[in-house]
PDB file of all heavy atoms in Angstrom:
ATOM      1  N   SER A   1      -1.949  -1.391   5.092  1.00  0.00           N
ATOM      2  CA  SER A   1      -1.176  -0.350   4.423  1.00  0.00           C
ATOM      3  C   SER A   1      -1.478  -0.428   2.932  1.00  0.00           C
ATOM      4  O   SER A   1      -1.437  -1.512   2.351  1.00  0.00           O
ATOM      5  CB  SER A   1       0.330  -0.550   4.673  1.00  0.00           C
ATOM      6  OG  SER A   1       1.111   0.073   3.675  1.00  0.00           O
ATOM      7  N   THR A   2      -1.787   0.700   2.319  1.00  0.00           N
ATOM      8  CA  THR A   2      -2.056   0.686   0.879  1.00  0.00           C
ATOM      9  C   THR A   2      -0.803   0.321   0.095  1.00  0.00           C
ATOM     10  O   THR A   2      -0.879  -0.343  -0.939  1.00  0.00           O
ATOM     11  CB  THR A   2      -2.619   2.037   0.405  1.00  0.00           C
ATOM     12  OG1 THR A   2      -1.740   3.097   0.814  1.00  0.00           O
ATOM     13  CG2 THR A   2      -4.008   2.276   0.979  1.00  0.00           C
ATOM     14  N   ASN A   3       0.371   0.728   0.579  1.00  0.00           N
ATOM     15  CA  ASN A   3       1.615   0.301  -0.072  1.00  0.00           C
ATOM     16  C   ASN A   3       1.762  -1.211  -0.014  1.00  0.00           C
ATOM     17  O   ASN A   3       2.068  -1.872  -1.020  1.00  0.00           O
ATOM     18  CB  ASN A   3       2.824   0.957   0.599  1.00  0.00           C
ATOM     19  CG  ASN A   3       3.294   2.215  -0.122  1.00  0.00           C
ATOM     20  OD1 ASN A   3       2.487   2.977  -0.656  1.00  0.00           O
ATOM     21  ND2 ASN A   3       4.593   2.447  -0.139  1.00  0.00           N
ATOM     22  N   ASN A   4       1.559  -1.777   1.175  1.00  0.00           N
ATOM     23  CA  ASN A   4       1.700  -3.227   1.326  1.00  0.00           C
ATOM     24  C   ASN A   4       0.716  -3.974   0.442  1.00  0.00           C
ATOM     25  O   ASN A   4       1.047  -5.007  -0.154  1.00  0.00           O
ATOM     26  CB  ASN A   4       1.497  -3.631   2.788  1.00  0.00           C
ATOM     27  CG  ASN A   4       2.668  -3.254   3.667  1.00  0.00           C
ATOM     28  OD1 ASN A   4       3.728  -2.859   3.173  1.00  0.00           O
ATOM     29  ND2 ASN A   4       2.490  -3.358   4.968  1.00  0.00           N
ATOM     30  N   TYR A   5      -0.509  -3.458   0.363  1.00  0.00           N
ATOM     31  CA  TYR A   5      -1.522  -4.124  -0.456  1.00  0.00           C
ATOM     32  C   TYR A   5      -1.084  -4.176  -1.918  1.00  0.00           C
ATOM     33  O   TYR A   5      -1.160  -5.239  -2.561  1.00  0.00           O
ATOM     34  CB  TYR A   5      -2.859  -3.402  -0.341  1.00  0.00           C
ATOM     35  CG  TYR A   5      -3.890  -3.932  -1.313  1.00  0.00           C
ATOM     36  CD1 TYR A   5      -4.519  -5.156  -1.103  1.00  0.00           C
ATOM     37  CD2 TYR A   5      -4.200  -3.228  -2.476  1.00  0.00           C
ATOM     38  CE1 TYR A   5      -5.440  -5.655  -2.015  1.00  0.00           C
ATOM     39  CE2 TYR A   5      -5.116  -3.721  -3.388  1.00  0.00           C
ATOM     40  CZ  TYR A   5      -5.727  -4.933  -3.153  1.00  0.00           C
ATOM     41  OH  TYR A   5      -6.629  -5.431  -4.064  1.00  0.00           O
ATOM     42  N   LEU A   6      -0.633  -3.074  -2.473  1.00  0.00           N
ATOM     43  CA  LEU A   6      -0.237  -3.066  -3.886  1.00  0.00           C
ATOM     44  C   LEU A   6       0.999  -3.926  -4.122  1.00  0.00           C
ATOM     45  O   LEU A   6       1.121  -4.558  -5.174  1.00  0.00           O
ATOM     46  CB  LEU A   6       0.020  -1.629  -4.341  1.00  0.00           C
ATOM     47  CG  LEU A   6      -1.222  -0.728  -4.450  1.00  0.00           C
ATOM     48  CD1 LEU A   6      -0.830   0.643  -4.980  1.00  0.00           C
ATOM     49  CD2 LEU A   6      -2.299  -1.346  -5.337  1.00  0.00           C
ATOM     50  N   LYS A   7       1.902  -3.975  -3.165  1.00  0.00           N
ATOM     51  CA  LYS A   7       3.068  -4.854  -3.325  1.00  0.00           C
ATOM     52  C   LYS A   7       2.641  -6.320  -3.296  1.00  0.00           C
ATOM     53  O   LYS A   7       3.134  -7.121  -4.098  1.00  0.00           O
ATOM     54  CB  LYS A   7       4.099  -4.561  -2.236  1.00  0.00           C
ATOM     55  CG  LYS A   7       4.814  -3.220  -2.425  1.00  0.00           C
ATOM     56  CD  LYS A   7       6.002  -3.054  -1.497  1.00  0.00           C
ATOM     57  CE  LYS A   7       5.590  -2.991  -0.055  1.00  0.00           C
ATOM     58  NZ  LYS A   7       6.762  -2.789   0.851  1.00  0.00           N
ATOM     59  N   ARG A   8       1.729  -6.663  -2.401  1.00  0.00           N
ATOM     60  CA  ARG A   8       1.250  -8.046  -2.335  1.00  0.00           C
ATOM     61  C   ARG A   8       0.555  -8.458  -3.625  1.00  0.00           C
ATOM     62  O   ARG A   8       0.696  -9.586  -4.090  1.00  0.00           O
ATOM     63  CB  ARG A   8       0.279  -8.220  -1.166  1.00  0.00           C
ATOM     64  CG  ARG A   8       0.888  -8.237   0.204  1.00  0.00           C
ATOM     65  CD  ARG A   8      -0.092  -8.760   1.244  1.00  0.00           C
ATOM     66  NE  ARG A   8      -1.316  -7.979   1.338  1.00  0.00           N
ATOM     67  CZ  ARG A   8      -1.515  -6.990   2.198  1.00  0.00           C
ATOM     68  NH1 ARG A   8      -0.554  -6.631   3.033  1.00  0.00           N
ATOM     69  NH2 ARG A   8      -2.678  -6.359   2.221  1.00  0.00           N
ATOM     70  N   GLU A   9      -0.213  -7.545  -4.192  1.00  0.00           N
ATOM     71  CA  GLU A   9      -1.033  -7.861  -5.360  1.00  0.00           C
ATOM     72  C   GLU A   9      -0.415  -7.384  -6.665  1.00  0.00           C
ATOM     73  O   GLU A   9      -1.086  -7.382  -7.702  1.00  0.00           O
ATOM     74  CB  GLU A   9      -2.419  -7.222  -5.189  1.00  0.00           C
ATOM     75  CG  GLU A   9      -3.203  -7.707  -3.990  1.00  0.00           C
ATOM     76  CD  GLU A   9      -3.540  -9.182  -4.101  1.00  0.00           C
ATOM     77  OE1 GLU A   9      -3.818  -9.657  -5.226  1.00  0.00           O
ATOM     78  OE2 GLU A   9      -3.519  -9.875  -3.062  1.00  0.00           O
ATOM     79  N   SER A  10       0.840  -6.998  -6.650  1.00  0.00           N
ATOM     80  CA  SER A  10       1.453  -6.385  -7.834  1.00  0.00           C
ATOM     81  C   SER A  10       1.370  -7.273  -9.065  1.00  0.00           C
ATOM     82  O   SER A  10       1.234  -6.770 -10.190  1.00  0.00           O
ATOM     83  CB  SER A  10       2.915  -6.023  -7.540  1.00  0.00           C
ATOM     84  OG  SER A  10       3.666  -7.185  -7.213  1.00  0.00           O
ATOM     85  N   GLY A  11       1.447  -8.583  -8.889  1.00  0.00           N
ATOM     86  CA  GLY A  11       1.382  -9.485 -10.029  1.00  0.00           C
ATOM     87  C   GLY A  11       0.016  -9.576 -10.664  1.00  0.00           C
ATOM     88  O   GLY A  11      -0.113 -10.066 -11.805  1.00  0.00           O
ATOM     89  N   ASN A  12      -1.014  -9.101  -9.970  1.00  0.00           N
ATOM     90  CA  ASN A  12      -2.385  -9.207 -10.468  1.00  0.00           C
ATOM     91  C   ASN A  12      -2.989  -7.873 -10.888  1.00  0.00           C
ATOM     92  O   ASN A  12      -4.139  -7.838 -11.326  1.00  0.00           O
ATOM     93  CB  ASN A  12      -3.285  -9.811  -9.375  1.00  0.00           C
ATOM     94  CG  ASN A  12      -2.778 -11.151  -8.885  1.00  0.00           C
ATOM     95  OD1 ASN A  12      -2.398 -12.003  -9.673  1.00  0.00           O
ATOM     96  ND2 ASN A  12      -2.764 -11.335  -7.578  1.00  0.00           N
ATOM     97  N   LEU A  13      -2.217  -6.794 -10.749  1.00  0.00           N
ATOM     98  CA  LEU A  13      -2.770  -5.471 -10.974  1.00  0.00           C
ATOM     99  C   LEU A  13      -2.069  -4.758 -12.129  1.00  0.00           C
ATOM    100  O   LEU A  13      -0.876  -4.953 -12.352  1.00  0.00           O
ATOM    101  CB  LEU A  13      -2.633  -4.622  -9.701  1.00  0.00           C
ATOM    102  CG  LEU A  13      -3.446  -5.100  -8.496  1.00  0.00           C
ATOM    103  CD1 LEU A  13      -3.087  -4.285  -7.269  1.00  0.00           C
ATOM    104  CD2 LEU A  13      -4.942  -5.011  -8.779  1.00  0.00           C
ATOM    105  N   PRO A  14      -2.790  -3.882 -12.840  1.00  0.00           N
ATOM    106  CA  PRO A  14      -2.202  -3.168 -13.974  1.00  0.00           C
ATOM    107  C   PRO A  14      -1.399  -1.947 -13.542  1.00  0.00           C
ATOM    108  O   PRO A  14      -1.521  -1.470 -12.408  1.00  0.00           O
ATOM    109  CB  PRO A  14      -3.431  -2.746 -14.784  1.00  0.00           C
ATOM    110  CG  PRO A  14      -4.488  -2.541 -13.740  1.00  0.00           C
ATOM    111  CD  PRO A  14      -4.233  -3.607 -12.706  1.00  0.00           C
ATOM    112  N   ASP A  15      -0.610  -1.454 -14.457  1.00  0.00           N
ATOM    113  CA  ASP A  15       0.094  -0.195 -14.260  1.00  0.00           C
ATOM    114  C   ASP A  15      -0.922   0.905 -13.949  1.00  0.00           C
ATOM    115  O   ASP A  15      -1.946   1.027 -14.615  1.00  0.00           O
ATOM    116  CB  ASP A  15       0.864   0.142 -15.544  1.00  0.00           C
ATOM    117  CG  ASP A  15       1.730   1.376 -15.407  1.00  0.00           C
ATOM    118  OD1 ASP A  15       2.125   1.695 -14.272  1.00  0.00           O
ATOM    119  OD2 ASP A  15       2.032   2.004 -16.441  1.00  0.00           O
ATOM    120  N   GLY A  16      -0.653   1.679 -12.913  1.00  0.00           N
ATOM    121  CA  GLY A  16      -1.552   2.753 -12.524  1.00  0.00           C
ATOM    122  C   GLY A  16      -2.603   2.357 -11.500  1.00  0.00           C
ATOM    123  O   GLY A  16      -3.377   3.209 -11.049  1.00  0.00           O
ATOM    124  N   ALA A  17      -2.654   1.065 -11.122  1.00  0.00           N
ATOM    125  CA  ALA A  17      -3.628   0.615 -10.124  1.00  0.00           C
ATOM    126  C   ALA A  17      -3.465   1.418  -8.837  1.00  0.00           C
ATOM    127  O   ALA A  17      -2.354   1.685  -8.382  1.00  0.00           O
ATOM    128  CB  ALA A  17      -3.462  -0.869  -9.844  1.00  0.00           C
ATOM    129  N   THR A  18      -4.589   1.787  -8.244  1.00  0.00           N
ATOM    130  CA  THR A  18      -4.578   2.690  -7.094  1.00  0.00           C
ATOM    131  C   THR A  18      -5.419   2.121  -5.959  1.00  0.00           C
ATOM    132  O   THR A  18      -6.525   1.625  -6.181  1.00  0.00           O
ATOM    133  CB  THR A  18      -5.134   4.070  -7.499  1.00  0.00           C
ATOM    134  OG1 THR A  18      -4.309   4.612  -8.538  1.00  0.00           O
ATOM    135  CG2 THR A  18      -5.146   5.029  -6.321  1.00  0.00           C
ATOM    136  N   ALA A  19      -4.868   2.191  -4.760  1.00  0.00           N
ATOM    137  CA  ALA A  19      -5.584   1.784  -3.555  1.00  0.00           C
ATOM    138  C   ALA A  19      -5.727   2.997  -2.650  1.00  0.00           C
ATOM    139  O   ALA A  19      -4.750   3.708  -2.388  1.00  0.00           O
ATOM    140  CB  ALA A  19      -4.836   0.674  -2.829  1.00  0.00           C
ATOM    141  N   VAL A  20      -6.951   3.245  -2.183  1.00  0.00           N
ATOM    142  CA  VAL A  20      -7.250   4.355  -1.282  1.00  0.00           C
ATOM    143  C   VAL A  20      -7.870   3.779  -0.019  1.00  0.00           C
ATOM    144  O   VAL A  20      -8.695   2.865  -0.090  1.00  0.00           O
ATOM    145  CB  VAL A  20      -8.231   5.355  -1.936  1.00  0.00           C
ATOM    146  CG1 VAL A  20      -8.579   6.484  -0.970  1.00  0.00           C
ATOM    147  CG2 VAL A  20      -7.654   5.913  -3.230  1.00  0.00           C
ATOM    148  N   ALA A  21      -7.494   4.311   1.134  1.00  0.00           N
ATOM    149  CA  ALA A  21      -8.036   3.809   2.392  1.00  0.00           C
ATOM    150  C   ALA A  21      -8.490   4.951   3.286  1.00  0.00           C
ATOM    151  O   ALA A  21      -7.860   6.020   3.327  1.00  0.00           O
ATOM    152  CB  ALA A  21      -7.000   2.957   3.128  1.00  0.00           C
ATOM    153  N   ASP A  22      -9.570   4.709   4.009  1.00  0.00           N
ATOM    154  CA  ASP A  22     -10.046   5.646   5.024  1.00  0.00           C
ATOM    155  C   ASP A  22      -9.228   5.508   6.294  1.00  0.00           C
ATOM    156  O   ASP A  22      -9.085   6.466   7.062  1.00  0.00           O
ATOM    157  CB  ASP A  22     -11.523   5.364   5.318  1.00  0.00           C
ATOM    158  CG  ASP A  22     -12.094   6.301   6.362  1.00  0.00           C
ATOM    159  OD1 ASP A  22     -12.105   7.515   6.109  1.00  0.00           O
ATOM    160  OD2 ASP A  22     -12.530   5.825   7.431  1.00  0.00           O
ATOM    161  N   GLN A  23      -8.666   4.320   6.518  1.00  0.00           N
ATOM    162  CA  GLN A  23      -7.872   4.065   7.715  1.00  0.00           C
ATOM    163  C   GLN A  23      -6.807   3.025   7.402  1.00  0.00           C
ATOM    164  O   GLN A  23      -7.051   2.085   6.644  1.00  0.00           O
ATOM    165  CB  GLN A  23      -8.762   3.554   8.847  1.00  0.00           C
ATOM    166  CG  GLN A  23      -8.015   3.216  10.132  1.00  0.00           C
ATOM    167  CD  GLN A  23      -8.912   2.557  11.166  1.00  0.00           C
ATOM    168  OE1 GLN A  23      -9.785   1.753  10.816  1.00  0.00           O
ATOM    169  NE2 GLN A  23      -8.731   2.884  12.429  1.00  0.00           N
ATOM    170  N   GLN A  24      -5.611   3.215   7.970  1.00  0.00           N
ATOM    171  CA  GLN A  24      -4.560   2.206   7.895  1.00  0.00           C
ATOM    172  C   GLN A  24      -4.191   1.770   9.311  1.00  0.00           C
ATOM    173  O   GLN A  24      -4.073   2.605  10.206  1.00  0.00           O
ATOM    174  CB  GLN A  24      -3.303   2.755   7.213  1.00  0.00           C
ATOM    175  CG  GLN A  24      -3.460   3.090   5.747  1.00  0.00           C
ATOM    176  CD  GLN A  24      -2.152   3.560   5.135  1.00  0.00           C
ATOM    177  OE1 GLN A  24      -1.716   3.057   4.114  1.00  0.00           O
ATOM    178  NE2 GLN A  24      -1.515   4.552   5.752  1.00  0.00           N
ATOM    179  N   THR A  25      -4.013   0.477   9.476  1.00  0.00           N
ATOM    180  CA  THR A  25      -3.602  -0.018  10.788  1.00  0.00           C
ATOM    181  C   THR A  25      -2.095  -0.176  10.891  1.00  0.00           C
ATOM    182  O   THR A  25      -1.567  -0.350  11.987  1.00  0.00           O
ATOM    183  CB  THR A  25      -4.267  -1.376  11.083  1.00  0.00           C
ATOM    184  OG1 THR A  25      -3.913  -2.312  10.051  1.00  0.00           O
ATOM    185  CG2 THR A  25      -5.785  -1.225  11.130  1.00  0.00           C
ATOM    186  N   GLY A  26      -1.402  -0.128   9.746  1.00  0.00           N
ATOM    187  CA  GLY A  26       0.049  -0.285   9.755  1.00  0.00           C
ATOM    188  C   GLY A  26       0.735   0.676   8.808  1.00  0.00           C
ATOM    189  O   GLY A  26       1.685   0.314   8.120  1.00  0.00           O
ATOM    190  N   GLY A  27       0.252   1.931   8.773  1.00  0.00           N
ATOM    191  CA  GLY A  27       0.849   2.930   7.892  1.00  0.00           C
ATOM    192  C   GLY A  27       2.298   3.194   8.255  1.00  0.00           C
ATOM    193  O   GLY A  27       2.666   3.236   9.434  1.00  0.00           O
ATOM    194  N   ARG A  28       3.136   3.365   7.224  1.00  0.00           N
ATOM    195  CA  ARG A  28       4.567   3.568   7.449  1.00  0.00           C
ATOM    196  C   ARG A  28       5.061   4.810   6.712  1.00  0.00           C
ATOM    197  O   ARG A  28       4.554   5.168   5.654  1.00  0.00           O
ATOM    198  CB  ARG A  28       5.379   2.363   6.945  1.00  0.00           C
ATOM    199  CG  ARG A  28       5.143   1.086   7.693  1.00  0.00           C
ATOM    200  CD  ARG A  28       5.933  -0.057   7.087  1.00  0.00           C
ATOM    201  NE  ARG A  28       5.509  -0.355   5.712  1.00  0.00           N
ATOM    202  CZ  ARG A  28       6.238  -0.112   4.628  1.00  0.00           C
ATOM    203  NH1 ARG A  28       7.422   0.456   4.744  1.00  0.00           N
ATOM    204  NH2 ARG A  28       5.777  -0.432   3.428  1.00  0.00           N
ATOM    205  N   GLY A  29       6.086   5.425   7.302  1.00  0.00           N
ATOM    206  CA  GLY A  29       6.778   6.524   6.649  1.00  0.00           C
ATOM    207  C   GLY A  29       8.205   6.117   6.332  1.00  0.00           C
ATOM    208  O   GLY A  29       8.538   4.924   6.307  1.00  0.00           O
ATOM    209  N   ARG A  30       9.050   7.101   6.072  1.00  0.00           N
ATOM    210  CA  ARG A  30      10.447   6.809   5.777  1.00  0.00           C
ATOM    211  C   ARG A  30      11.149   6.218   6.996  1.00  0.00           C
ATOM    212  O   ARG A  30      10.786   6.460   8.132  1.00  0.00           O
ATOM    213  CB  ARG A  30      11.180   8.078   5.337  1.00  0.00           C
ATOM    214  CG  ARG A  30      10.698   8.632   4.013  1.00  0.00           C
ATOM    215  CD  ARG A  30      11.443   9.888   3.607  1.00  0.00           C
ATOM    216  NE  ARG A  30      12.857   9.609   3.360  1.00  0.00           N
ATOM    217  CZ  ARG A  30      13.852  10.080   4.095  1.00  0.00           C
ATOM    218  NH1 ARG A  30      13.595  10.839   5.148  1.00  0.00           N
ATOM    219  NH2 ARG A  30      15.099   9.793   3.788  1.00  0.00           N
ATOM    220  N   LEU A  31      12.185   5.428   6.712  1.00  0.00           N
ATOM    221  CA  LEU A  31      13.033   4.814   7.740  1.00  0.00           C
ATOM    222  C   LEU A  31      12.236   3.939   8.693  1.00  0.00           C
ATOM    223  O   LEU A  31      12.617   3.755   9.850  1.00  0.00           O
ATOM    224  CB  LEU A  31      13.798   5.897   8.521  1.00  0.00           C
ATOM    225  CG  LEU A  31      14.650   6.864   7.682  1.00  0.00           C
ATOM    226  CD1 LEU A  31      15.310   7.904   8.557  1.00  0.00           C
ATOM    227  CD2 LEU A  31      15.705   6.080   6.884  1.00  0.00           C
ATOM    228  N   GLY A  32      11.118   3.384   8.206  1.00  0.00           N
ATOM    229  CA  GLY A  32      10.327   2.460   8.999  1.00  0.00           C
ATOM    230  C   GLY A  32       9.484   3.096  10.076  1.00  0.00           C
ATOM    231  O   GLY A  32       8.888   2.388  10.900  1.00  0.00           O
ATOM    232  N   ARG A  33       9.403   4.424  10.091  1.00  0.00           N
ATOM    233  CA  ARG A  33       8.589   5.096  11.097  1.00  0.00           C
ATOM    234  C   ARG A  33       7.115   4.810  10.843  1.00  0.00           C
ATOM    235  O   ARG A  33       6.677   4.663   9.712  1.00  0.00           O
ATOM    236  CB  ARG A  33       8.834   6.599  11.052  1.00  0.00           C
ATOM    237  CG  ARG A  33      10.281   7.013  11.340  1.00  0.00           C
ATOM    238  CD  ARG A  33      10.373   8.531  11.364  1.00  0.00           C
ATOM    239  NE  ARG A  33      11.742   8.972  11.599  1.00  0.00           N
ATOM    240  CZ  ARG A  33      12.463   9.687  10.746  1.00  0.00           C
ATOM    241  NH1 ARG A  33      11.939  10.042   9.580  1.00  0.00           N
ATOM    242  NH2 ARG A  33      13.686  10.058  11.029  1.00  0.00           N
ATOM    243  N   SER A  34       6.327   4.802  11.919  1.00  0.00           N
ATOM    244  CA  SER A  34       4.888   4.630  11.755  1.00  0.00           C
ATOM    245  C   SER A  34       4.277   5.936  11.265  1.00  0.00           C
ATOM    246  O   SER A  34       4.802   7.027  11.527  1.00  0.00           O
ATOM    247  CB  SER A  34       4.243   4.201  13.069  1.00  0.00           C
ATOM    248  OG  SER A  34       4.393   5.220  14.042  1.00  0.00           O
TER     249      SER A  34
END
């Protein structure tokens, strides 16, 4: 998940850091929906 990646690496990344993916294996929406 690009969200999960940025949260994991938040301490090492600058403001505005962006992650883009062609595929997610654990993409999530609101209320924990896949």
